[in-house]
Amino acid sequence: REILERQQTLPEDQVLKIAKQVLSALEYAHERRLLHRDIKPGNILIGPDLDVKLVDFGLAKRLVDCAFTSHTTSGMPGTPLFMAPELLNGGRATFSADIYSLAATLYRCLTGRHPIEAKKLDEWLAAIQSQVPPPLSQLKPGISPRVEAAILKALAKDPDRRQPSMSEFRRE
């Protein structure tokens, strides 16, 4: 988050190096049936040589315990700007929501903006359900078509249209 506040965007090669490490951490968590539920730039710590740590599993839930929805006694878990659309409708959290959140984070790192933008929270809540994010290359020319396609697929409104797993997202 602090790096993005200073630089606005990161070069694609740096984003890919960071993404691979975050994807690996999330693959590990998902293999153990653990959802992170709050993937965002502020929860990705970057050290020397772009060594990455994914932190703040405070909202994490085991999928087997998921008779829960996105709402808890304290309100919405996660950070709305990075939350999957289905969670905002009280939908059941699945691994697909983590895929969406990571894609929204990568989109922000590459383009300097969120996939969905609005001036007020209520406008944003409506827009996330219907607004299609602009292609990354439209906002930052030079982004590789393969990276753009993988991120846009992971940002699909319908969770069934996203990659079926973090492993697949990493392959793409």
N, C-alpha and C. Protein backbone atom coordinates (compact mmCIF):
# COMPACT_ATOMS: atom_id res chain seq x y z
N ARG A 1 0.83 -1.19 0.00
CA ARG A 1 0.00 0.00 0.00
C ARG A 1 0.87 1.24 0.00
N GLU A 2 1.89 1.26 0.86
CA GLU A 2 2.77 2.42 0.94
C GLU A 2 3.53 2.64 -0.37
N ILE A 3 3.96 1.58 -0.99
CA ILE A 3 4.65 1.70 -2.29
C ILE A 3 3.71 2.29 -3.33
N LEU A 4 2.47 1.81 -3.36
CA LEU A 4 1.50 2.34 -4.33
C LEU A 4 1.15 3.78 -4.06
N GLU A 5 1.15 4.18 -2.81
CA GLU A 5 0.89 5.59 -2.49
C GLU A 5 1.99 6.48 -3.05
N ARG A 6 3.22 5.98 -3.06
CA ARG A 6 4.36 6.75 -3.58
C ARG A 6 4.44 6.68 -5.11
N GLN A 7 4.27 5.50 -5.67
CA GLN A 7 4.53 5.27 -7.09
C GLN A 7 3.29 5.19 -7.97
N GLN A 8 2.12 5.03 -7.42
CA GLN A 8 0.86 4.84 -8.13
C GLN A 8 0.74 3.48 -8.81
N THR A 9 1.76 3.05 -9.56
CA THR A 9 1.74 1.74 -10.22
C THR A 9 3.09 1.07 -10.04
N LEU A 10 3.12 -0.22 -10.35
CA LEU A 10 4.37 -0.98 -10.34
C LEU A 10 4.58 -1.57 -11.73
N PRO A 11 5.82 -1.76 -12.14
CA PRO A 11 6.08 -2.40 -13.43
C PRO A 11 5.55 -3.84 -13.43
N GLU A 12 5.13 -4.30 -14.59
CA GLU A 12 4.53 -5.62 -14.71
C GLU A 12 5.44 -6.72 -14.19
N ASP A 13 6.73 -6.66 -14.47
CA ASP A 13 7.62 -7.73 -14.01
C ASP A 13 7.66 -7.79 -12.48
N GLN A 14 7.61 -6.64 -11.80
CA GLN A 14 7.58 -6.63 -10.34
C GLN A 14 6.24 -7.18 -9.82
N VAL A 15 5.16 -6.78 -10.46
CA VAL A 15 3.83 -7.26 -10.05
C VAL A 15 3.76 -8.77 -10.19
N LEU A 16 4.31 -9.30 -11.28
CA LEU A 16 4.29 -10.75 -11.48
C LEU A 16 5.11 -11.48 -10.43
N LYS A 17 6.25 -10.92 -10.06
CA LYS A 17 7.07 -11.54 -9.01
C LYS A 17 6.32 -11.55 -7.68
N ILE A 18 5.66 -10.45 -7.37
CA ILE A 18 4.86 -10.37 -6.14
C ILE A 18 3.68 -11.32 -6.23
N ALA A 19 2.98 -11.30 -7.36
CA ALA A 19 1.77 -12.12 -7.55
C ALA A 19 2.08 -13.61 -7.39
N LYS A 20 3.19 -14.06 -7.93
CA LYS A 20 3.52 -15.49 -7.83
C LYS A 20 3.66 -15.92 -6.37
N GLN A 21 4.25 -15.06 -5.56
CA GLN A 21 4.42 -15.40 -4.14
C GLN A 21 3.08 -15.38 -3.39
N VAL A 22 2.25 -14.39 -3.69
CA VAL A 22 0.93 -14.31 -3.06
C VAL A 22 0.08 -15.50 -3.51
N LEU A 23 0.13 -15.82 -4.80
CA LEU A 23 -0.62 -16.97 -5.31
C LEU A 23 -0.16 -18.25 -4.62
N SER A 24 1.12 -18.39 -4.41
CA SER A 24 1.64 -19.57 -3.74
C SER A 24 1.11 -19.65 -2.30
N ALA A 25 1.12 -18.53 -1.59
CA ALA A 25 0.60 -18.51 -0.22
C ALA A 25 -0.89 -18.85 -0.19
N LEU A 26 -1.64 -18.32 -1.14
CA LEU A 26 -3.07 -18.59 -1.18
C LEU A 26 -3.37 -20.01 -1.63
N GLU A 27 -2.56 -20.55 -2.53
CA GLU A 27 -2.72 -21.96 -2.89
C GLU A 27 -2.55 -22.83 -1.64
N TYR A 28 -1.52 -22.53 -0.87
CA TYR A 28 -1.25 -23.28 0.36
C TYR A 28 -2.45 -23.18 1.32
N ALA A 29 -2.96 -21.96 1.51
CA ALA A 29 -4.11 -21.76 2.40
C ALA A 29 -5.34 -22.50 1.86
N HIS A 30 -5.60 -22.38 0.59
CA HIS A 30 -6.79 -23.01 0.01
C HIS A 30 -6.70 -24.53 0.06
N GLU A 31 -5.51 -25.08 -0.12
CA GLU A 31 -5.34 -26.53 -0.01
C GLU A 31 -5.72 -27.01 1.39
N ARG A 32 -5.61 -26.12 2.35
CA ARG A 32 -5.97 -26.43 3.74
C ARG A 32 -7.37 -25.93 4.07
N ARG A 33 -8.11 -25.59 3.01
CA ARG A 33 -9.52 -25.15 3.11
C ARG A 33 -9.68 -23.84 3.88
N LEU A 34 -8.67 -22.96 3.80
CA LEU A 34 -8.69 -21.70 4.51
C LEU A 34 -8.86 -20.54 3.53
N LEU A 35 -9.89 -19.74 3.75
CA LEU A 35 -10.13 -18.54 2.95
C LEU A 35 -9.47 -17.36 3.65
N HIS A 36 -8.84 -16.48 2.90
CA HIS A 36 -8.22 -15.30 3.51
C HIS A 36 -9.26 -14.23 3.80
N ARG A 37 -10.06 -13.85 2.83
CA ARG A 37 -11.17 -12.92 2.90
C ARG A 37 -10.80 -11.45 3.05
N ASP A 38 -9.52 -11.08 2.95
CA ASP A 38 -9.17 -9.65 3.00
C ASP A 38 -7.87 -9.39 2.24
N ILE A 39 -7.82 -9.87 1.02
CA ILE A 39 -6.63 -9.65 0.19
C ILE A 39 -6.70 -8.23 -0.36
N LYS A 40 -5.64 -7.49 -0.12
CA LYS A 40 -5.54 -6.10 -0.57
C LYS A 40 -4.07 -5.68 -0.46
N PRO A 41 -3.70 -4.57 -1.09
CA PRO A 41 -2.29 -4.16 -1.04
C PRO A 41 -1.73 -4.01 0.38
N GLY A 42 -2.52 -3.52 1.32
CA GLY A 42 -2.04 -3.33 2.68
C GLY A 42 -1.74 -4.62 3.42
N ASN A 43 -2.21 -5.75 2.89
CA ASN A 43 -1.95 -7.04 3.54
C ASN A 43 -0.87 -7.84 2.81
N ILE A 44 -0.16 -7.18 1.92
CA ILE A 44 0.97 -7.80 1.24
C ILE A 44 2.21 -7.00 1.63
N LEU A 45 3.05 -7.62 2.43
CA LEU A 45 4.28 -6.96 2.87
C LEU A 45 5.40 -7.33 1.91
N ILE A 46 6.14 -6.31 1.50
CA ILE A 46 7.21 -6.53 0.52
C ILE A 46 8.54 -6.14 1.16
N GLY A 47 9.45 -7.11 1.16
CA GLY A 47 10.76 -6.88 1.74
C GLY A 47 11.82 -6.69 0.65
N PRO A 48 13.07 -6.76 1.06
CA PRO A 48 14.16 -6.65 0.10
C PRO A 48 14.04 -7.72 -0.99
N ASP A 49 14.46 -7.39 -2.18
CA ASP A 49 14.42 -8.31 -3.32
C ASP A 49 13.01 -8.79 -3.63
N LEU A 50 12.01 -7.98 -3.28
CA LEU A 50 10.61 -8.30 -3.52
C LEU A 50 10.17 -9.60 -2.85
N ASP A 51 10.74 -9.89 -1.68
CA ASP A 51 10.27 -11.02 -0.89
C ASP A 51 8.93 -10.62 -0.27
N VAL A 52 7.95 -11.49 -0.40
CA VAL A 52 6.57 -11.15 -0.04
C VAL A 52 6.06 -11.99 1.12
N LYS A 53 5.28 -11.36 1.98
CA LYS A 53 4.56 -12.04 3.04
C LYS A 53 3.11 -11.60 2.95
N LEU A 54 2.20 -12.56 2.91
CA LEU A 54 0.77 -12.28 2.96
C LEU A 54 0.36 -12.31 4.43
N VAL A 55 -0.21 -11.22 4.92
CA VAL A 55 -0.52 -11.10 6.34
C VAL A 55 -2.01 -10.85 6.56
N ASP A 56 -2.35 -10.75 7.82
CA ASP A 56 -3.69 -10.44 8.31
C ASP A 56 -4.72 -11.49 7.92
N PHE A 57 -4.55 -12.63 8.51
CA PHE A 57 -5.53 -13.70 8.35
C PHE A 57 -6.62 -13.58 9.42
N GLY A 58 -6.80 -12.37 9.95
CA GLY A 58 -7.78 -12.15 11.01
C GLY A 58 -9.22 -12.42 10.59
N LEU A 59 -9.51 -12.29 9.29
CA LEU A 59 -10.86 -12.57 8.80
C LEU A 59 -10.96 -13.95 8.17
N ALA A 60 -9.86 -14.68 8.17
CA ALA A 60 -9.85 -15.99 7.52
C ALA A 60 -10.86 -16.93 8.14
N LYS A 61 -11.38 -17.80 7.32
CA LYS A 61 -12.35 -18.82 7.77
C LYS A 61 -12.02 -20.12 7.06
N ARG A 62 -12.24 -21.20 7.77
CA ARG A 62 -12.11 -22.50 7.13
C ARG A 62 -13.38 -22.73 6.31
N LEU A 63 -13.21 -23.20 5.08
CA LEU A 63 -14.35 -23.40 4.21
C LEU A 63 -15.36 -24.37 4.82
N VAL A 64 -14.89 -25.36 5.57
CA VAL A 64 -15.81 -26.31 6.19
C VAL A 64 -16.68 -25.62 7.25
N ASP A 65 -16.25 -24.47 7.74
CA ASP A 65 -17.02 -23.72 8.72
C ASP A 65 -17.92 -22.68 8.06
N CYS A 66 -17.98 -22.69 6.75
CA CYS A 66 -18.62 -21.60 6.03
C CYS A 66 -20.11 -21.77 5.87
N ALA A 67 -20.78 -21.77 6.96
CA ALA A 67 -22.22 -21.58 6.91
C ALA A 67 -22.41 -20.09 7.13
N PHE A 68 -21.36 -19.33 6.83
CA PHE A 68 -21.41 -17.89 7.03
C PHE A 68 -21.59 -17.19 5.71
N THR A 69 -21.97 -15.94 5.78
CA THR A 69 -22.04 -15.09 4.60
C THR A 69 -20.97 -14.03 4.77
N SER A 70 -21.00 -13.04 3.93
CA SER A 70 -19.98 -12.00 4.02
C SER A 70 -20.20 -11.12 5.24
N HIS A 71 -21.37 -11.15 5.84
CA HIS A 71 -21.64 -10.26 6.97
C HIS A 71 -21.40 -10.99 8.29
N THR A 72 -20.75 -10.32 9.19
CA THR A 72 -20.50 -10.87 10.52
C THR A 72 -21.12 -9.91 11.52
N THR A 73 -20.94 -10.18 12.76
CA THR A 73 -21.50 -9.29 13.79
C THR A 73 -20.88 -7.91 13.72
N SER A 74 -19.69 -7.80 13.16
CA SER A 74 -19.05 -6.49 13.06
C SER A 74 -19.29 -5.84 11.70
N GLY A 75 -20.13 -6.42 10.87
CA GLY A 75 -20.38 -5.85 9.55
C GLY A 75 -19.68 -6.66 8.49
N MET A 76 -19.34 -6.01 7.39
CA MET A 76 -18.70 -6.70 6.27
C MET A 76 -17.25 -7.00 6.59
N PRO A 77 -16.83 -8.25 6.39
CA PRO A 77 -15.41 -8.52 6.53
C PRO A 77 -14.70 -8.08 5.27
N GLY A 78 -13.48 -7.73 5.38
CA GLY A 78 -12.74 -7.37 4.20
C GLY A 78 -12.84 -5.89 3.90
N THR A 79 -12.25 -5.53 2.79
CA THR A 79 -12.20 -4.14 2.36
C THR A 79 -13.06 -4.03 1.11
N PRO A 80 -14.15 -3.27 1.16
CA PRO A 80 -15.09 -3.26 0.04
C PRO A 80 -14.46 -3.04 -1.34
N LEU A 81 -13.46 -2.19 -1.47
CA LEU A 81 -12.88 -1.93 -2.79
C LEU A 81 -12.24 -3.17 -3.41
N PHE A 82 -11.95 -4.17 -2.59
CA PHE A 82 -11.31 -5.39 -3.09
C PHE A 82 -12.20 -6.62 -2.93
N MET A 83 -13.44 -6.43 -2.49
CA MET A 83 -14.35 -7.56 -2.23
C MET A 83 -15.06 -8.01 -3.50
N ALA A 84 -15.28 -9.30 -3.58
CA ALA A 84 -16.03 -9.88 -4.69
C ALA A 84 -17.48 -9.43 -4.63
N PRO A 85 -18.09 -9.19 -5.80
CA PRO A 85 -19.47 -8.70 -5.84
C PRO A 85 -20.46 -9.58 -5.08
N GLU A 86 -20.28 -10.89 -5.14
CA GLU A 86 -21.25 -11.78 -4.51
C GLU A 86 -21.27 -11.63 -2.99
N LEU A 87 -20.16 -11.21 -2.40
CA LEU A 87 -20.12 -11.03 -0.94
C LEU A 87 -20.91 -9.82 -0.50
N LEU A 88 -21.03 -8.85 -1.37
CA LEU A 88 -21.78 -7.64 -1.04
C LEU A 88 -23.27 -7.88 -1.06
N ASN A 89 -23.69 -8.99 -1.65
CA ASN A 89 -25.10 -9.37 -1.68
C ASN A 89 -25.42 -10.40 -0.60
N GLY A 90 -24.50 -10.60 0.32
CA GLY A 90 -24.72 -11.60 1.36
C GLY A 90 -24.45 -13.00 0.88
N GLY A 91 -23.75 -13.15 -0.25
CA GLY A 91 -23.44 -14.47 -0.78
C GLY A 91 -22.44 -15.21 0.09
N ARG A 92 -22.38 -16.50 -0.12
CA ARG A 92 -21.49 -17.36 0.64
C ARG A 92 -20.05 -17.18 0.16
N ALA A 93 -19.13 -17.04 1.07
CA ALA A 93 -17.72 -16.90 0.72
C ALA A 93 -17.17 -18.22 0.21
N THR A 94 -16.45 -18.16 -0.89
CA THR A 94 -15.79 -19.32 -1.46
C THR A 94 -14.38 -18.91 -1.87
N PHE A 95 -13.62 -19.88 -2.35
CA PHE A 95 -12.27 -19.58 -2.83
C PHE A 95 -12.31 -18.56 -3.96
N SER A 96 -13.39 -18.55 -4.71
CA SER A 96 -13.54 -17.62 -5.82
C SER A 96 -13.49 -16.16 -5.37
N ALA A 97 -13.95 -15.89 -4.17
CA ALA A 97 -13.90 -14.52 -3.64
C ALA A 97 -12.46 -14.08 -3.42
N ASP A 98 -11.60 -14.99 -2.95
CA ASP A 98 -10.18 -14.67 -2.81
C ASP A 98 -9.54 -14.42 -4.17
N ILE A 99 -9.95 -15.18 -5.17
CA ILE A 99 -9.43 -14.98 -6.54
C ILE A 99 -9.79 -13.59 -7.02
N TYR A 100 -11.04 -13.19 -6.82
CA TYR A 100 -11.47 -11.85 -7.23
C TYR A 100 -10.64 -10.78 -6.49
N SER A 101 -10.50 -10.92 -5.19
CA SER A 101 -9.78 -9.91 -4.40
C SER A 101 -8.32 -9.78 -4.83
N LEU A 102 -7.69 -10.91 -5.13
CA LEU A 102 -6.31 -10.84 -5.61
C LEU A 102 -6.26 -10.16 -6.97
N ALA A 103 -7.20 -10.48 -7.84
CA ALA A 103 -7.23 -9.84 -9.17
C ALA A 103 -7.44 -8.33 -9.04
N ALA A 104 -8.32 -7.91 -8.13
CA ALA A 104 -8.55 -6.48 -7.92
C ALA A 104 -7.28 -5.80 -7.40
N THR A 105 -6.54 -6.50 -6.56
CA THR A 105 -5.28 -5.98 -6.03
C THR A 105 -4.25 -5.84 -7.15
N LEU A 106 -4.13 -6.87 -8.00
CA LEU A 106 -3.18 -6.82 -9.10
C LEU A 106 -3.55 -5.72 -10.10
N TYR A 107 -4.84 -5.57 -10.36
CA TYR A 107 -5.34 -4.52 -11.25
C TYR A 107 -4.89 -3.16 -10.72
N ARG A 108 -5.07 -2.95 -9.42
CA ARG A 108 -4.67 -1.69 -8.79
C ARG A 108 -3.17 -1.47 -8.90
N CYS A 109 -2.39 -2.52 -8.69
CA CYS A 109 -0.93 -2.40 -8.76
C CYS A 109 -0.47 -2.04 -10.17
N LEU A 110 -1.11 -2.60 -11.17
CA LEU A 110 -0.69 -2.38 -12.55
C LEU A 110 -1.20 -1.09 -13.16
N THR A 111 -2.41 -0.68 -12.78
CA THR A 111 -3.03 0.47 -13.46
C THR A 111 -3.09 1.74 -12.61
N GLY A 112 -2.93 1.60 -11.31
CA GLY A 112 -3.03 2.78 -10.45
C GLY A 112 -4.44 3.11 -10.04
N ARG A 113 -5.40 2.29 -10.40
CA ARG A 113 -6.79 2.53 -10.01
C ARG A 113 -7.48 1.20 -9.70
N HIS A 114 -8.63 1.30 -9.07
CA HIS A 114 -9.42 0.12 -8.76
C HIS A 114 -10.20 -0.31 -10.00
N PRO A 115 -10.54 -1.58 -10.09
CA PRO A 115 -11.31 -2.04 -11.26
C PRO A 115 -12.66 -1.33 -11.40
N ILE A 116 -13.27 -1.00 -10.28
CA ILE A 116 -14.54 -0.29 -10.26
C ILE A 116 -14.33 1.01 -9.51
N GLU A 117 -14.76 2.11 -10.11
CA GLU A 117 -14.59 3.39 -9.43
C GLU A 117 -15.92 4.12 -9.36
N ALA A 118 -16.15 4.76 -8.23
CA ALA A 118 -17.32 5.60 -8.00
C ALA A 118 -16.96 6.58 -6.90
N LYS A 119 -17.69 7.68 -6.86
CA LYS A 119 -17.37 8.72 -5.88
C LYS A 119 -17.92 8.44 -4.49
N LYS A 120 -19.05 7.74 -4.41
CA LYS A 120 -19.69 7.46 -3.12
C LYS A 120 -19.87 5.96 -2.95
N LEU A 121 -19.91 5.52 -1.69
CA LEU A 121 -20.03 4.09 -1.41
C LEU A 121 -21.27 3.48 -2.04
N ASP A 122 -22.42 4.15 -1.95
CA ASP A 122 -23.64 3.57 -2.52
C ASP A 122 -23.54 3.45 -4.04
N GLU A 123 -22.87 4.40 -4.69
CA GLU A 123 -22.66 4.31 -6.14
C GLU A 123 -21.72 3.14 -6.46
N TRP A 124 -20.71 2.98 -5.63
CA TRP A 124 -19.77 1.90 -5.85
C TRP A 124 -20.45 0.54 -5.64
N LEU A 125 -21.29 0.43 -4.62
CA LEU A 125 -21.99 -0.82 -4.36
C LEU A 125 -22.87 -1.22 -5.54
N ALA A 126 -23.47 -0.24 -6.20
CA ALA A 126 -24.28 -0.53 -7.40
C ALA A 126 -23.37 -0.86 -8.58
N ALA A 127 -22.29 -0.11 -8.74
CA ALA A 127 -21.40 -0.29 -9.89
C ALA A 127 -20.70 -1.64 -9.87
N ILE A 128 -20.33 -2.14 -8.70
CA ILE A 128 -19.59 -3.41 -8.65
C ILE A 128 -20.45 -4.57 -9.16
N GLN A 129 -21.76 -4.42 -9.10
CA GLN A 129 -22.65 -5.47 -9.58
C GLN A 129 -22.77 -5.49 -11.10
N SER A 130 -22.53 -4.35 -11.75
CA SER A 130 -22.79 -4.29 -13.20
C SER A 130 -21.65 -3.71 -14.04
N GLN A 131 -20.85 -2.84 -13.48
CA GLN A 131 -19.80 -2.17 -14.25
C GLN A 131 -18.66 -3.14 -14.60
N VAL A 132 -18.28 -3.16 -15.86
CA VAL A 132 -17.17 -3.99 -16.29
C VAL A 132 -15.90 -3.16 -16.22
N PRO A 133 -14.86 -3.67 -15.57
CA PRO A 133 -13.61 -2.90 -15.47
C PRO A 133 -13.02 -2.64 -16.86
N PRO A 134 -12.46 -1.45 -17.06
CA PRO A 134 -11.79 -1.20 -18.33
C PRO A 134 -10.60 -2.15 -18.50
N PRO A 135 -10.31 -2.53 -19.74
CA PRO A 135 -9.11 -3.36 -19.95
C PRO A 135 -7.88 -2.67 -19.38
N LEU A 136 -7.02 -3.44 -18.78
CA LEU A 136 -5.82 -2.88 -18.16
C LEU A 136 -4.96 -2.13 -19.18
N SER A 137 -4.85 -2.68 -20.39
CA SER A 137 -4.01 -2.07 -21.41
C SER A 137 -4.56 -0.73 -21.89
N GLN A 138 -5.84 -0.50 -21.66
CA GLN A 138 -6.44 0.79 -22.00
C GLN A 138 -5.96 1.85 -21.01
N LEU A 139 -5.74 1.44 -19.78
CA LEU A 139 -5.29 2.37 -18.74
C LEU A 139 -3.77 2.48 -18.69
N LYS A 140 -3.09 1.41 -19.03
CA LYS A 140 -1.62 1.40 -19.01
C LYS A 140 -1.14 0.56 -20.19
N PRO A 141 -0.92 1.20 -21.31
CA PRO A 141 -0.47 0.46 -22.49
C PRO A 141 0.81 -0.33 -22.21
N GLY A 142 0.90 -1.48 -22.84
CA GLY A 142 2.09 -2.30 -22.69
C GLY A 142 1.90 -3.50 -21.78
N ILE A 143 0.78 -3.58 -21.09
CA ILE A 143 0.52 -4.75 -20.25
C ILE A 143 0.30 -5.94 -21.18
N SER A 144 0.92 -7.06 -20.84
CA SER A 144 0.84 -8.22 -21.73
C SER A 144 -0.59 -8.74 -21.81
N PRO A 145 -1.00 -9.17 -23.01
CA PRO A 145 -2.36 -9.69 -23.19
C PRO A 145 -2.67 -10.88 -22.28
N ARG A 146 -1.69 -11.72 -22.02
CA ARG A 146 -1.91 -12.89 -21.17
C ARG A 146 -2.24 -12.50 -19.73
N VAL A 147 -1.48 -11.54 -19.20
CA VAL A 147 -1.72 -11.05 -17.84
C VAL A 147 -3.08 -10.36 -17.78
N GLU A 148 -3.36 -9.53 -18.76
CA GLU A 148 -4.63 -8.82 -18.80
C GLU A 148 -5.80 -9.80 -18.84
N ALA A 149 -5.72 -10.81 -19.68
CA ALA A 149 -6.81 -11.79 -19.81
C ALA A 149 -7.03 -12.54 -18.49
N ALA A 150 -5.95 -12.94 -17.83
CA ALA A 150 -6.08 -13.68 -16.56
C ALA A 150 -6.74 -12.82 -15.49
N ILE A 151 -6.33 -11.56 -15.39
CA ILE A 151 -6.89 -10.67 -14.37
C ILE A 151 -8.35 -10.36 -14.67
N LEU A 152 -8.66 -10.06 -15.91
CA LEU A 152 -10.06 -9.75 -16.25
C LEU A 152 -10.97 -10.95 -16.04
N LYS A 153 -10.48 -12.14 -16.32
CA LYS A 153 -11.28 -13.35 -16.06
C LYS A 153 -11.53 -13.49 -14.56
N ALA A 154 -10.52 -13.24 -13.75
CA ALA A 154 -10.65 -13.36 -12.30
C ALA A 154 -11.56 -12.28 -11.71
N LEU A 155 -11.81 -11.22 -12.47
CA LEU A 155 -12.70 -10.14 -12.03
C LEU A 155 -14.14 -10.33 -12.52
N ALA A 156 -14.44 -11.47 -13.08
CA ALA A 156 -15.79 -11.73 -13.57
C ALA A 156 -16.81 -11.55 -12.44
N LYS A 157 -17.95 -10.97 -12.78
CA LYS A 157 -19.01 -10.78 -11.78
C LYS A 157 -19.53 -12.12 -11.27
N ASP A 158 -19.67 -13.07 -12.17
CA ASP A 158 -20.15 -14.41 -11.83
C ASP A 158 -18.98 -15.25 -11.36
N PRO A 159 -18.98 -15.71 -10.11
CA PRO A 159 -17.85 -16.50 -9.60
C PRO A 159 -17.57 -17.76 -10.42
N ASP A 160 -18.59 -18.31 -11.07
CA ASP A 160 -18.39 -19.51 -11.88
C ASP A 160 -17.61 -19.23 -13.16
N ARG A 161 -17.44 -17.97 -13.51
CA ARG A 161 -16.69 -17.61 -14.72
C ARG A 161 -15.23 -17.28 -14.42
N ARG A 162 -14.89 -17.24 -13.14
CA ARG A 162 -13.49 -17.00 -12.74
C ARG A 162 -12.72 -18.32 -12.82
N GLN A 163 -11.41 -18.23 -12.66
CA GLN A 163 -10.59 -19.42 -12.58
C GLN A 163 -11.12 -20.29 -11.45
N PRO A 164 -11.10 -21.61 -11.61
CA PRO A 164 -11.65 -22.49 -10.58
C PRO A 164 -10.76 -22.61 -9.33
N SER A 165 -9.51 -22.16 -9.42
CA SER A 165 -8.60 -22.29 -8.28
C SER A 165 -7.45 -21.30 -8.42
N MET A 166 -6.76 -21.07 -7.31
CA MET A 166 -5.55 -20.23 -7.34
C MET A 166 -4.49 -20.86 -8.24
N SER A 167 -4.43 -22.19 -8.25
CA SER A 167 -3.46 -22.87 -9.11
C SER A 167 -3.71 -22.53 -10.57
N GLU A 168 -4.97 -22.54 -10.96
CA GLU A 168 -5.32 -22.20 -12.34
C GLU A 168 -5.04 -20.74 -12.62
N PHE A 169 -5.34 -19.87 -11.68
CA PHE A 169 -5.05 -18.45 -11.84
C PHE A 169 -3.54 -18.25 -12.04
N ARG A 170 -2.75 -18.95 -11.27
CA ARG A 170 -1.29 -18.83 -11.41
C ARG A 170 -0.83 -19.34 -12.78
N ARG A 171 -1.40 -20.47 -13.24
CA ARG A 171 -1.01 -20.97 -14.56
C ARG A 171 -1.35 -19.96 -15.66
N GLU A 172 -2.52 -19.37 -15.54
CA GLU A 172 -2.92 -18.39 -16.56
C GLU A 172 -2.06 -17.15 -16.49
